[in-house]
Amino acid sequence: MTKVGLGLPLDDIDALLTWAQHADAGPFSTLALADRIVYHNPEPLITLAAIAGATSRIRVQTEILLAPARETVLLAKQAATLDRISGGRFTLGMGVGIRPDDFEVTGFDHATRAARFDEQLATMRDIWSGDRIGPRTKGPELLFGAFRPAALRRAARFGDGVISAAPPDFTDHIYRSFEKFWNDNDRTGEPRLVAQVNTALESTKDEAARNICSYYGDYGPTVVERLVTTETHIRDAIQTFTDLGADEVILYCWSPNPTQIPYLADIIS
């Protein structure tokens, strides 16, 4: 059966532990948190560490972390620490990012971020398999936000799965391409396939739309058009991505109103 997680809202940091504790008591599998540098969102690794400490069951996940905008060794140490302190409940979802301002403020080159990401992944794997930099861990589960062939090849080489926030038809292309690259790399086992669906109750739709447009900028109206807001549409979205092979669907909530939690819980129960 497909698991269903929640994407945490970004615009009310004071509400996040309440969200986490209610979600931990319900049927949800994962709490995911997006990343930006030049934005008012909370830093995801620190926030998810606090959430891991306030919960006992639910997994925590970055979705997705801008790895090339961060120093590699420290990122590896932070991820290993969160993996250990959460009792193995941490999934590190990563991608290269697209916004130049997130790189300008951290001093890393936006133009070479993909090559830097390849180097980072090799370095982090070395750190997690060695004894010099702890805490000791095999490393967290790695998921990648990817849709271009080069990114999907990278994900199949280094990762455990892929996250898609695209519409179903393009998600199908992403999943099938990733599975091919997975097999081309002689990977064993089955890769994890995760989908993100932007969600809001009808009563929170306007607030969610404003927050989406704030986060995505010019691309925001397109994302708002795909926002699912009714029980029927939410169920249909989960089933659609399940039919494409998704192991987990993350219902990403863009309004901080916590009344969405029991409503969504009832839908998926």
C-alpha atoms as a PDB file:
ATOM      1  CA  MET A   1       0.000   0.000   0.000  1.00  0.00           C
ATOM      2  CA  THR A   2       1.300   3.450  -0.890  1.00  0.00           C
ATOM      3  CA  LYS A   3       2.483   5.492   2.069  1.00  0.00           C
ATOM      4  CA  VAL A   4       1.322   9.082   2.468  1.00  0.00           C
ATOM      5  CA  GLY A   5       3.379  11.818   4.071  1.00  0.00           C
ATOM      6  CA  LEU A   6       2.932  15.516   4.760  1.00  0.00           C
ATOM      7  CA  GLY A   7       4.951  18.422   3.454  1.00  0.00           C
ATOM      8  CA  LEU A   8       5.265  21.023   6.201  1.00  0.00           C
ATOM      9  CA  PRO A   9       4.216  24.650   5.599  1.00  0.00           C
ATOM     10  CA  LEU A  10       7.055  27.144   5.371  1.00  0.00           C
ATOM     11  CA  ASP A  11       5.584  30.393   6.634  1.00  0.00           C
ATOM     12  CA  ASP A  12       4.901  29.702  10.340  1.00  0.00           C
ATOM     13  CA  ILE A  13       7.871  28.194  12.129  1.00  0.00           C
ATOM     14  CA  ASP A  14       6.048  28.365  15.481  1.00  0.00           C
ATOM     15  CA  ALA A  15       3.414  25.917  14.219  1.00  0.00           C
ATOM     16  CA  LEU A  16       5.777  23.208  13.019  1.00  0.00           C
ATOM     17  CA  LEU A  17       6.117  21.211  16.237  1.00  0.00           C
ATOM     18  CA  THR A  18       2.329  21.172  16.576  1.00  0.00           C
ATOM     19  CA  TRP A  19       2.090  19.873  13.029  1.00  0.00           C
ATOM     20  CA  ALA A  20       4.740  17.258  13.756  1.00  0.00           C
ATOM     21  CA  GLN A  21       3.134  15.933  16.929  1.00  0.00           C
ATOM     22  CA  HIS A  22      -0.328  15.669  15.362  1.00  0.00           C
ATOM     23  CA  ALA A  23       1.101  13.974  12.264  1.00  0.00           C
ATOM     24  CA  ASP A  24       3.117  11.556  14.393  1.00  0.00           C
ATOM     25  CA  ALA A  25      -0.111  10.425  16.067  1.00  0.00           C
ATOM     26  CA  GLY A  26      -1.831   9.840  12.741  1.00  0.00           C
ATOM     27  CA  PRO A  27      -1.451   7.629   9.697  1.00  0.00           C
ATOM     28  CA  PHE A  28       1.240   9.679   7.954  1.00  0.00           C
ATOM     29  CA  SER A  29       4.580   8.135   7.021  1.00  0.00           C
ATOM     30  CA  THR A  30       6.851  11.165   6.615  1.00  0.00           C
ATOM     31  CA  LEU A  31       7.191  14.861   7.393  1.00  0.00           C
ATOM     32  CA  ALA A  32       9.010  16.685   4.596  1.00  0.00           C
ATOM     33  CA  LEU A  33      10.461  20.188   4.594  1.00  0.00           C
ATOM     34  CA  ALA A  34      11.542  22.268   1.608  1.00  0.00           C
ATOM     35  CA  ASP A  35      14.753  24.282   1.359  1.00  0.00           C
ATOM     36  CA  ARG A  36      15.711  27.753   0.236  1.00  0.00           C
ATOM     37  CA  ILE A  37      18.456  30.085   1.401  1.00  0.00           C
ATOM     38  CA  VAL A  38      17.076  33.436   0.219  1.00  0.00           C
ATOM     39  CA  TYR A  39      13.599  32.977   1.668  1.00  0.00           C
ATOM     40  CA  HIS A  40      11.888  33.118   5.059  1.00  0.00           C
ATOM     41  CA  ASN A  41      11.672  29.330   5.505  1.00  0.00           C
ATOM     42  CA  PRO A  42      13.327  27.648   8.497  1.00  0.00           C
ATOM     43  CA  GLU A  43      16.630  25.854   7.910  1.00  0.00           C
ATOM     44  CA  PRO A  44      15.539  22.251   7.252  1.00  0.00           C
ATOM     45  CA  LEU A  45      18.245  20.194   8.970  1.00  0.00           C
ATOM     46  CA  ILE A  46      17.958  22.080  12.254  1.00  0.00           C
ATOM     47  CA  THR A  47      14.170  22.076  12.063  1.00  0.00           C
ATOM     48  CA  LEU A  48      13.941  18.362  11.297  1.00  0.00           C
ATOM     49  CA  ALA A  49      16.270  17.603  14.207  1.00  0.00           C
ATOM     50  CA  ALA A  50      13.837  19.407  16.509  1.00  0.00           C
ATOM     51  CA  ILE A  51      10.921  17.554  14.921  1.00  0.00           C
ATOM     52  CA  ALA A  52      12.684  14.193  15.297  1.00  0.00           C
ATOM     53  CA  GLY A  53      13.080  14.939  18.991  1.00  0.00           C
ATOM     54  CA  ALA A  54       9.395  15.833  19.328  1.00  0.00           C
ATOM     55  CA  THR A  55       8.160  12.666  17.575  1.00  0.00           C
ATOM     56  CA  SER A  56       8.716   8.949  17.958  1.00  0.00           C
ATOM     57  CA  ARG A  57       7.510   7.208  14.816  1.00  0.00           C
ATOM     58  CA  ILE A  58       7.239   9.391  11.733  1.00  0.00           C
ATOM     59  CA  ARG A  59      10.139   9.830   9.316  1.00  0.00           C
ATOM     60  CA  VAL A  60      11.652  13.246   8.562  1.00  0.00           C
ATOM     61  CA  GLN A  61      12.837  14.271   5.110  1.00  0.00           C
ATOM     62  CA  THR A  62      14.375  17.204   3.269  1.00  0.00           C
ATOM     63  CA  GLU A  63      12.478  17.838   0.049  1.00  0.00           C
ATOM     64  CA  ILE A  64      14.723  18.986  -1.354  1.00  0.00           C
ATOM     65  CA  LEU A  65      17.947  20.282   0.163  1.00  0.00           C
ATOM     66  CA  LEU A  66      20.149  22.502  -2.015  1.00  0.00           C
ATOM     67  CA  ALA A  67      23.323  20.518  -1.456  1.00  0.00           C
ATOM     68  CA  PRO A  68      25.677  22.497  -3.780  1.00  0.00           C
ATOM     69  CA  ALA A  69      24.864  25.666  -1.816  1.00  0.00           C
ATOM     70  CA  ARG A  70      26.359  24.055   1.295  1.00  0.00           C
ATOM     71  CA  GLU A  71      29.843  23.097   2.483  1.00  0.00           C
ATOM     72  CA  THR A  72      30.261  19.385   1.852  1.00  0.00           C
ATOM     73  CA  VAL A  73      31.977  17.999   4.945  1.00  0.00           C
ATOM     74  CA  LEU A  74      29.732  19.872   7.347  1.00  0.00           C
ATOM     75  CA  LEU A  75      26.651  18.729   5.403  1.00  0.00           C
ATOM     76  CA  ALA A  76      27.828  15.118   5.644  1.00  0.00           C
ATOM     77  CA  LYS A  77      28.357  15.481   9.397  1.00  0.00           C
ATOM     78  CA  GLN A  78      24.986  17.150   9.917  1.00  0.00           C
ATOM     79  CA  ALA A  79      23.203  14.455   7.906  1.00  0.00           C
ATOM     80  CA  ALA A  80      24.973  11.665   9.800  1.00  0.00           C
ATOM     81  CA  THR A  81      24.060  13.295  13.095  1.00  0.00           C
ATOM     82  CA  LEU A  82      20.399  13.650  12.155  1.00  0.00           C
ATOM     83  CA  ASP A  83      20.347  10.071  10.900  1.00  0.00           C
ATOM     84  CA  ARG A  84      21.673   8.825  14.244  1.00  0.00           C
ATOM     85  CA  ILE A  85      19.743  11.124  16.560  1.00  0.00           C
ATOM     86  CA  SER A  86      16.446  10.323  14.830  1.00  0.00           C
ATOM     87  CA  GLY A  87      17.020   6.586  15.178  1.00  0.00           C
ATOM     88  CA  GLY A  88      17.390   6.113  11.431  1.00  0.00           C
ATOM     89  CA  ARG A  89      14.219   8.047  10.583  1.00  0.00           C
ATOM     90  CA  PHE A  90      15.926  10.627   8.374  1.00  0.00           C
ATOM     91  CA  THR A  91      15.817  10.757   4.570  1.00  0.00           C
ATOM     92  CA  LEU A  92      18.110  13.238   2.854  1.00  0.00           C
ATOM     93  CA  GLY A  93      16.377  14.488  -0.272  1.00  0.00           C
ATOM     94  CA  MET A  94      18.716  16.604  -2.401  1.00  0.00           C
ATOM     95  CA  GLY A  95      18.971  18.459  -5.678  1.00  0.00           C
ATOM     96  CA  VAL A  96      21.107  21.059  -7.425  1.00  0.00           C
ATOM     97  CA  GLY A  97      18.633  23.944  -7.156  1.00  0.00           C
ATOM     98  CA  ILE A  98      17.798  26.469  -9.848  1.00  0.00           C
ATOM     99  CA  ARG A  99      17.839  29.943  -8.258  1.00  0.00           C
ATOM    100  CA  PRO A 100      21.114  31.898  -8.561  1.00  0.00           C
ATOM    101  CA  ASP A 101      20.463  34.004  -5.447  1.00  0.00           C
ATOM    102  CA  ASP A 102      20.651  30.938  -3.174  1.00  0.00           C
ATOM    103  CA  PHE A 103      24.220  30.452  -4.389  1.00  0.00           C
ATOM    104  CA  GLU A 104      25.265  34.094  -4.458  1.00  0.00           C
ATOM    105  CA  VAL A 105      24.673  34.542  -0.732  1.00  0.00           C
ATOM    106  CA  THR A 106      26.555  31.358   0.200  1.00  0.00           C
ATOM    107  CA  GLY A 107      29.510  32.028  -2.078  1.00  0.00           C
ATOM    108  CA  PHE A 108      29.188  28.969  -4.318  1.00  0.00           C
ATOM    109  CA  ASP A 109      29.108  29.085  -8.113  1.00  0.00           C
ATOM    110  CA  HIS A 110      25.624  28.573  -9.526  1.00  0.00           C
ATOM    111  CA  ALA A 111      26.977  27.734 -12.986  1.00  0.00           C
ATOM    112  CA  THR A 112      29.050  24.767 -11.777  1.00  0.00           C
ATOM    113  CA  ARG A 113      26.581  23.418  -9.214  1.00  0.00           C
ATOM    114  CA  ALA A 114      25.956  20.100 -11.007  1.00  0.00           C
ATOM    115  CA  ALA A 115      29.656  19.209 -11.177  1.00  0.00           C
ATOM    116  CA  ARG A 116      30.040  20.288  -7.559  1.00  0.00           C
ATOM    117  CA  PHE A 117      27.111  18.075  -6.586  1.00  0.00           C
ATOM    118  CA  ASP A 118      28.799  15.035  -8.144  1.00  0.00           C
ATOM    119  CA  GLU A 119      31.922  15.742  -6.096  1.00  0.00           C
ATOM    120  CA  GLN A 120      29.857  16.262  -2.954  1.00  0.00           C
ATOM    121  CA  LEU A 121      28.079  12.946  -3.286  1.00  0.00           C
ATOM    122  CA  ALA A 122      31.324  11.018  -3.667  1.00  0.00           C
ATOM    123  CA  THR A 123      32.836  12.850  -0.691  1.00  0.00           C
ATOM    124  CA  MET A 124      29.810  12.291   1.537  1.00  0.00           C
ATOM    125  CA  ARG A 125      29.738   8.585   0.729  1.00  0.00           C
ATOM    126  CA  ASP A 126      33.447   8.383   1.634  1.00  0.00           C
ATOM    127  CA  ILE A 127      32.835  10.207   4.921  1.00  0.00           C
ATOM    128  CA  TRP A 128      29.928   7.981   5.891  1.00  0.00           C
ATOM    129  CA  SER A 129      31.929   4.828   5.148  1.00  0.00           C
ATOM    130  CA  GLY A 130      35.025   5.957   7.069  1.00  0.00           C
ATOM    131  CA  ASP A 131      36.078   6.509  10.675  1.00  0.00           C
ATOM    132  CA  ARG A 132      37.646   9.950  10.573  1.00  0.00           C
ATOM    133  CA  ILE A 133      34.505  12.118  10.640  1.00  0.00           C
ATOM    134  CA  GLY A 134      31.600  10.986  12.780  1.00  0.00           C
ATOM    135  CA  PRO A 135      29.123  10.176  14.068  1.00  0.00           C
ATOM    136  CA  ARG A 136      29.466   6.747  12.522  1.00  0.00           C
ATOM    137  CA  THR A 137      26.636   5.843  10.185  1.00  0.00           C
ATOM    138  CA  LYS A 138      26.027   4.062   6.918  1.00  0.00           C
ATOM    139  CA  GLY A 139      24.467   7.313   5.820  1.00  0.00           C
ATOM    140  CA  PRO A 140      20.811   8.279   5.563  1.00  0.00           C
ATOM    141  CA  GLU A 141      18.520   7.194   2.789  1.00  0.00           C
ATOM    142  CA  LEU A 142      19.143   9.445  -0.233  1.00  0.00           C
ATOM    143  CA  LEU A 143      16.417  10.688  -2.538  1.00  0.00           C
ATOM    144  CA  PHE A 144      16.955  13.049  -5.461  1.00  0.00           C
ATOM    145  CA  GLY A 145      14.812  15.694  -7.033  1.00  0.00           C
ATOM    146  CA  ALA A 146      15.648  15.156 -10.706  1.00  0.00           C
ATOM    147  CA  PHE A 147      14.011  15.257 -14.120  1.00  0.00           C
ATOM    148  CA  ARG A 148      16.765  15.709 -16.713  1.00  0.00           C
ATOM    149  CA  PRO A 149      18.708  12.661 -17.948  1.00  0.00           C
ATOM    150  CA  ALA A 150      22.025  13.701 -16.372  1.00  0.00           C
ATOM    151  CA  ALA A 151      20.341  14.302 -13.014  1.00  0.00           C
ATOM    152  CA  LEU A 152      18.477  11.003 -13.195  1.00  0.00           C
ATOM    153  CA  ARG A 153      21.717   9.167 -13.990  1.00  0.00           C
ATOM    154  CA  ARG A 154      23.317  10.811 -10.955  1.00  0.00           C
ATOM    155  CA  ALA A 155      20.365   9.798  -8.802  1.00  0.00           C
ATOM    156  CA  ALA A 156      20.551   6.205 -10.005  1.00  0.00           C
ATOM    157  CA  ARG A 157      24.282   6.063  -9.278  1.00  0.00           C
ATOM    158  CA  PHE A 158      24.300   7.614  -5.814  1.00  0.00           C
ATOM    159  CA  GLY A 159      20.736   7.533  -4.505  1.00  0.00           C
ATOM    160  CA  ASP A 160      18.073   5.223  -3.193  1.00  0.00           C
ATOM    161  CA  GLY A 161      15.223   6.824  -5.091  1.00  0.00           C
ATOM    162  CA  VAL A 162      13.770   9.852  -6.812  1.00  0.00           C
ATOM    163  CA  ILE A 163      11.195  12.523  -5.906  1.00  0.00           C
ATOM    164  CA  SER A 164       8.891  14.012  -8.532  1.00  0.00           C
ATOM    165  CA  ALA A 165       6.759  17.123  -8.076  1.00  0.00           C
ATOM    166  CA  ALA A 166       5.736  17.048 -11.748  1.00  0.00           C
ATOM    167  CA  PRO A 167       2.292  16.236 -13.200  1.00  0.00           C
ATOM    168  CA  PRO A 168       1.466  12.529 -13.639  1.00  0.00           C
ATOM    169  CA  ASP A 169       2.432  12.213 -17.315  1.00  0.00           C
ATOM    170  CA  PHE A 170       5.877  13.704 -16.759  1.00  0.00           C
ATOM    171  CA  THR A 171       6.278  11.823 -13.478  1.00  0.00           C
ATOM    172  CA  ASP A 172       5.719   8.596 -15.399  1.00  0.00           C
ATOM    173  CA  HIS A 173       8.588   9.598 -17.703  1.00  0.00           C
ATOM    174  CA  ILE A 174      10.806  10.425 -14.708  1.00  0.00           C
ATOM    175  CA  TYR A 175      10.082   7.113 -12.969  1.00  0.00           C
ATOM    176  CA  ARG A 176      10.615   4.963 -16.049  1.00  0.00           C
ATOM    177  CA  SER A 177      13.832   6.786 -16.973  1.00  0.00           C
ATOM    178  CA  PHE A 178      15.138   6.474 -13.440  1.00  0.00           C
ATOM    179  CA  GLU A 179      14.375   2.751 -13.351  1.00  0.00           C
ATOM    180  CA  LYS A 180      16.294   2.302 -16.612  1.00  0.00           C
ATOM    181  CA  PHE A 181      19.338   4.168 -15.266  1.00  0.00           C
ATOM    182  CA  TRP A 182      19.056   2.179 -12.025  1.00  0.00           C
ATOM    183  CA  ASN A 183      19.303  -1.060 -13.970  1.00  0.00           C
ATOM    184  CA  ASP A 184      22.069   0.338 -16.190  1.00  0.00           C
ATOM    185  CA  ASN A 185      24.107   0.902 -13.024  1.00  0.00           C
ATOM    186  CA  ASP A 186      23.511  -2.715 -11.932  1.00  0.00           C
ATOM    187  CA  ARG A 187      21.807  -1.534  -8.768  1.00  0.00           C
ATOM    188  CA  THR A 188      20.179  -4.256  -6.699  1.00  0.00           C
ATOM    189  CA  GLY A 189      16.764  -4.125  -5.110  1.00  0.00           C
ATOM    190  CA  GLU A 190      13.982  -1.736  -6.029  1.00  0.00           C
ATOM    191  CA  PRO A 191      14.416   2.050  -6.100  1.00  0.00           C
ATOM    192  CA  ARG A 192      12.107   4.261  -4.076  1.00  0.00           C
ATOM    193  CA  LEU A 193       9.687   6.347  -6.119  1.00  0.00           C
ATOM    194  CA  VAL A 194       8.151   9.346  -4.348  1.00  0.00           C
ATOM    195  CA  ALA A 195       5.617  11.899  -5.590  1.00  0.00           C
ATOM    196  CA  GLN A 196       4.786  15.362  -4.252  1.00  0.00           C
ATOM    197  CA  VAL A 197       1.236  16.696  -4.549  1.00  0.00           C
ATOM    198  CA  ASN A 198       0.502  20.292  -3.541  1.00  0.00           C
ATOM    199  CA  THR A 199      -2.560  20.282  -1.319  1.00  0.00           C
ATOM    200  CA  ALA A 200      -4.887  22.663   0.511  1.00  0.00           C
ATOM    201  CA  LEU A 201      -8.363  22.564   1.994  1.00  0.00           C
ATOM    202  CA  GLU A 202     -10.889  24.771   0.231  1.00  0.00           C
ATOM    203  CA  SER A 203     -10.888  27.030   3.294  1.00  0.00           C
ATOM    204  CA  THR A 204      -7.106  27.482   3.082  1.00  0.00           C
ATOM    205  CA  LYS A 205      -6.799  27.612  -0.705  1.00  0.00           C
ATOM    206  CA  ASP A 206      -6.280  31.363  -1.008  1.00  0.00           C
ATOM    207  CA  GLU A 207      -3.582  31.430   1.669  1.00  0.00           C
ATOM    208  CA  ALA A 208      -1.888  28.408   0.110  1.00  0.00           C
ATOM    209  CA  ALA A 209      -1.964  30.059  -3.312  1.00  0.00           C
ATOM    210  CA  ARG A 210      -0.316  33.200  -1.949  1.00  0.00           C
ATOM    211  CA  ASN A 211       2.416  31.165  -0.293  1.00  0.00           C
ATOM    212  CA  ILE A 212       3.023  29.097  -3.430  1.00  0.00           C
ATOM    213  CA  CYS A 213       3.377  32.238  -5.544  1.00  0.00           C
ATOM    214  CA  SER A 214       5.731  33.743  -2.966  1.00  0.00           C
ATOM    215  CA  TYR A 215       7.924  30.633  -3.042  1.00  0.00           C
ATOM    216  CA  TYR A 216       7.859  29.876  -6.777  1.00  0.00           C
ATOM    217  CA  GLY A 217       7.720  33.422  -8.148  1.00  0.00           C
ATOM    218  CA  ASP A 218       6.754  33.598 -11.822  1.00  0.00           C
ATOM    219  CA  TYR A 219       6.150  29.836 -11.889  1.00  0.00           C
ATOM    220  CA  GLY A 220       3.711  30.091  -8.958  1.00  0.00           C
ATOM    221  CA  PRO A 221       0.450  30.435 -10.954  1.00  0.00           C
ATOM    222  CA  THR A 222       1.222  27.210 -12.806  1.00  0.00           C
ATOM    223  CA  VAL A 223       1.707  25.380  -9.500  1.00  0.00           C
ATOM    224  CA  VAL A 224      -1.502  26.882  -8.108  1.00  0.00           C
ATOM    225  CA  GLU A 225      -3.437  25.534 -11.095  1.00  0.00           C
ATOM    226  CA  ARG A 226      -2.447  22.000 -10.053  1.00  0.00           C
ATOM    227  CA  LEU A 227      -3.347  22.492  -6.380  1.00  0.00           C
ATOM    228  CA  VAL A 228      -5.693  19.727  -5.156  1.00  0.00           C
ATOM    229  CA  THR A 229      -8.302  20.898  -2.668  1.00  0.00           C
ATOM    230  CA  THR A 230     -11.148  18.370  -2.385  1.00  0.00           C
ATOM    231  CA  GLU A 231     -11.363  14.909  -0.887  1.00  0.00           C
ATOM    232  CA  THR A 232     -12.108  13.385  -4.292  1.00  0.00           C
ATOM    233  CA  HIS A 233      -9.185  15.102  -5.993  1.00  0.00           C
ATOM    234  CA  ILE A 234      -6.793  14.201  -3.186  1.00  0.00           C
ATOM    235  CA  ARG A 235      -7.824  10.545  -3.313  1.00  0.00           C
ATOM    236  CA  ASP A 236      -7.580  10.554  -7.112  1.00  0.00           C
ATOM    237  CA  ALA A 237      -4.105  12.120  -7.003  1.00  0.00           C
ATOM    238  CA  ILE A 238      -2.840   9.515  -4.559  1.00  0.00           C
ATOM    239  CA  GLN A 239      -4.277   6.723  -6.701  1.00  0.00           C
ATOM    240  CA  THR A 240      -2.867   8.184  -9.915  1.00  0.00           C
ATOM    241  CA  PHE A 241       0.686   8.276  -8.569  1.00  0.00           C
ATOM    242  CA  THR A 242       0.226   4.869  -6.956  1.00  0.00           C
ATOM    243  CA  ASP A 243      -0.686   3.494 -10.380  1.00  0.00           C
ATOM    244  CA  LEU A 244       2.556   4.986 -11.730  1.00  0.00           C
ATOM    245  CA  GLY A 245       4.499   3.020  -9.122  1.00  0.00           C
ATOM    246  CA  ALA A 246       4.950   5.585  -6.344  1.00  0.00           C
ATOM    247  CA  ASP A 247       5.876   4.039  -3.005  1.00  0.00           C
ATOM    248  CA  GLU A 248       4.959   7.237  -1.190  1.00  0.00           C
ATOM    249  CA  VAL A 249       2.972  10.384  -1.933  1.00  0.00           C
ATOM    250  CA  ILE A 250       3.790  13.552  -0.013  1.00  0.00           C
ATOM    251  CA  LEU A 251       0.806  15.882   0.386  1.00  0.00           C
ATOM    252  CA  TYR A 252       2.565  19.225   0.503  1.00  0.00           C
ATOM    253  CA  CYS A 253       0.630  21.777   2.545  1.00  0.00           C
ATOM    254  CA  TRP A 254       1.150  25.466   1.817  1.00  0.00           C
ATOM    255  CA  SER A 255      -1.108  26.858   4.527  1.00  0.00           C
ATOM    256  CA  PRO A 256      -0.042  26.531   8.187  1.00  0.00           C
ATOM    257  CA  ASN A 257      -3.634  25.938   9.328  1.00  0.00           C
ATOM    258  CA  PRO A 258      -3.419  22.715  11.417  1.00  0.00           C
ATOM    259  CA  THR A 259      -7.060  21.778  10.773  1.00  0.00           C
ATOM    260  CA  GLN A 260      -5.782  20.232   7.557  1.00  0.00           C
ATOM    261  CA  ILE A 261      -4.044  17.444   9.470  1.00  0.00           C
ATOM    262  CA  PRO A 262      -7.086  15.492  10.787  1.00  0.00           C
ATOM    263  CA  TYR A 263      -8.938  16.158   7.529  1.00  0.00           C
ATOM    264  CA  LEU A 264      -6.136  14.634   5.462  1.00  0.00           C
ATOM    265  CA  ALA A 265      -5.741  11.846   8.001  1.00  0.00           C
ATOM    266  CA  ASP A 266      -9.388  10.870   7.537  1.00  0.00           C
ATOM    267  CA  ILE A 267      -8.981  10.852   3.755  1.00  0.00           C
ATOM    268  CA  ILE A 268      -6.054   8.420   3.774  1.00  0.00           C
ATOM    269  CA  SER A 269      -7.193   6.198   6.670  1.00  0.00           C
END
